[in-house]
């Protein structure tokens, strides 16, 4: 995503530079100034010089929208993914962990085996309660 953002920044800045370089009233006369404009424009800093030609204004407007969507969209997606991950149902991971641990049973001490038995018994009781709730909800909807 960063590579895409940098590539688009370079391309849009080049477009603004090419559109503005022969315009005498423009403050964007070099590619370096266009690069600075590109960062300041999409970052919503509000410190970018405004292009003067119609073509550069159009290119700049598209860059502001696209650059902002990519930049801020990536941040929002990353933060959302971070906070949503614990809410996802990790059933496959749970099953894989149980299967892995079953392979390790021969290495457990008697105390660890007793703890495992208690944990499994609690899990079985919990699963039976869940099944009863689901059957009760299913029969209420029918």
Foldseek 3Di string as FASTA:
>chain_A
DVVVLVVLLLVLLVQLQVVQCPPVVAPRNDSVLSSVLLVCLQVVVPPRGAGDDPRNNVSSVVSNVVNNCVPVVVVVVVVVCVVCVVVDDPVVVVVVVVVVVVVVVVVDDPVVVVVVVVVVVVVVVVVVVVVVVVVVVVVVVD
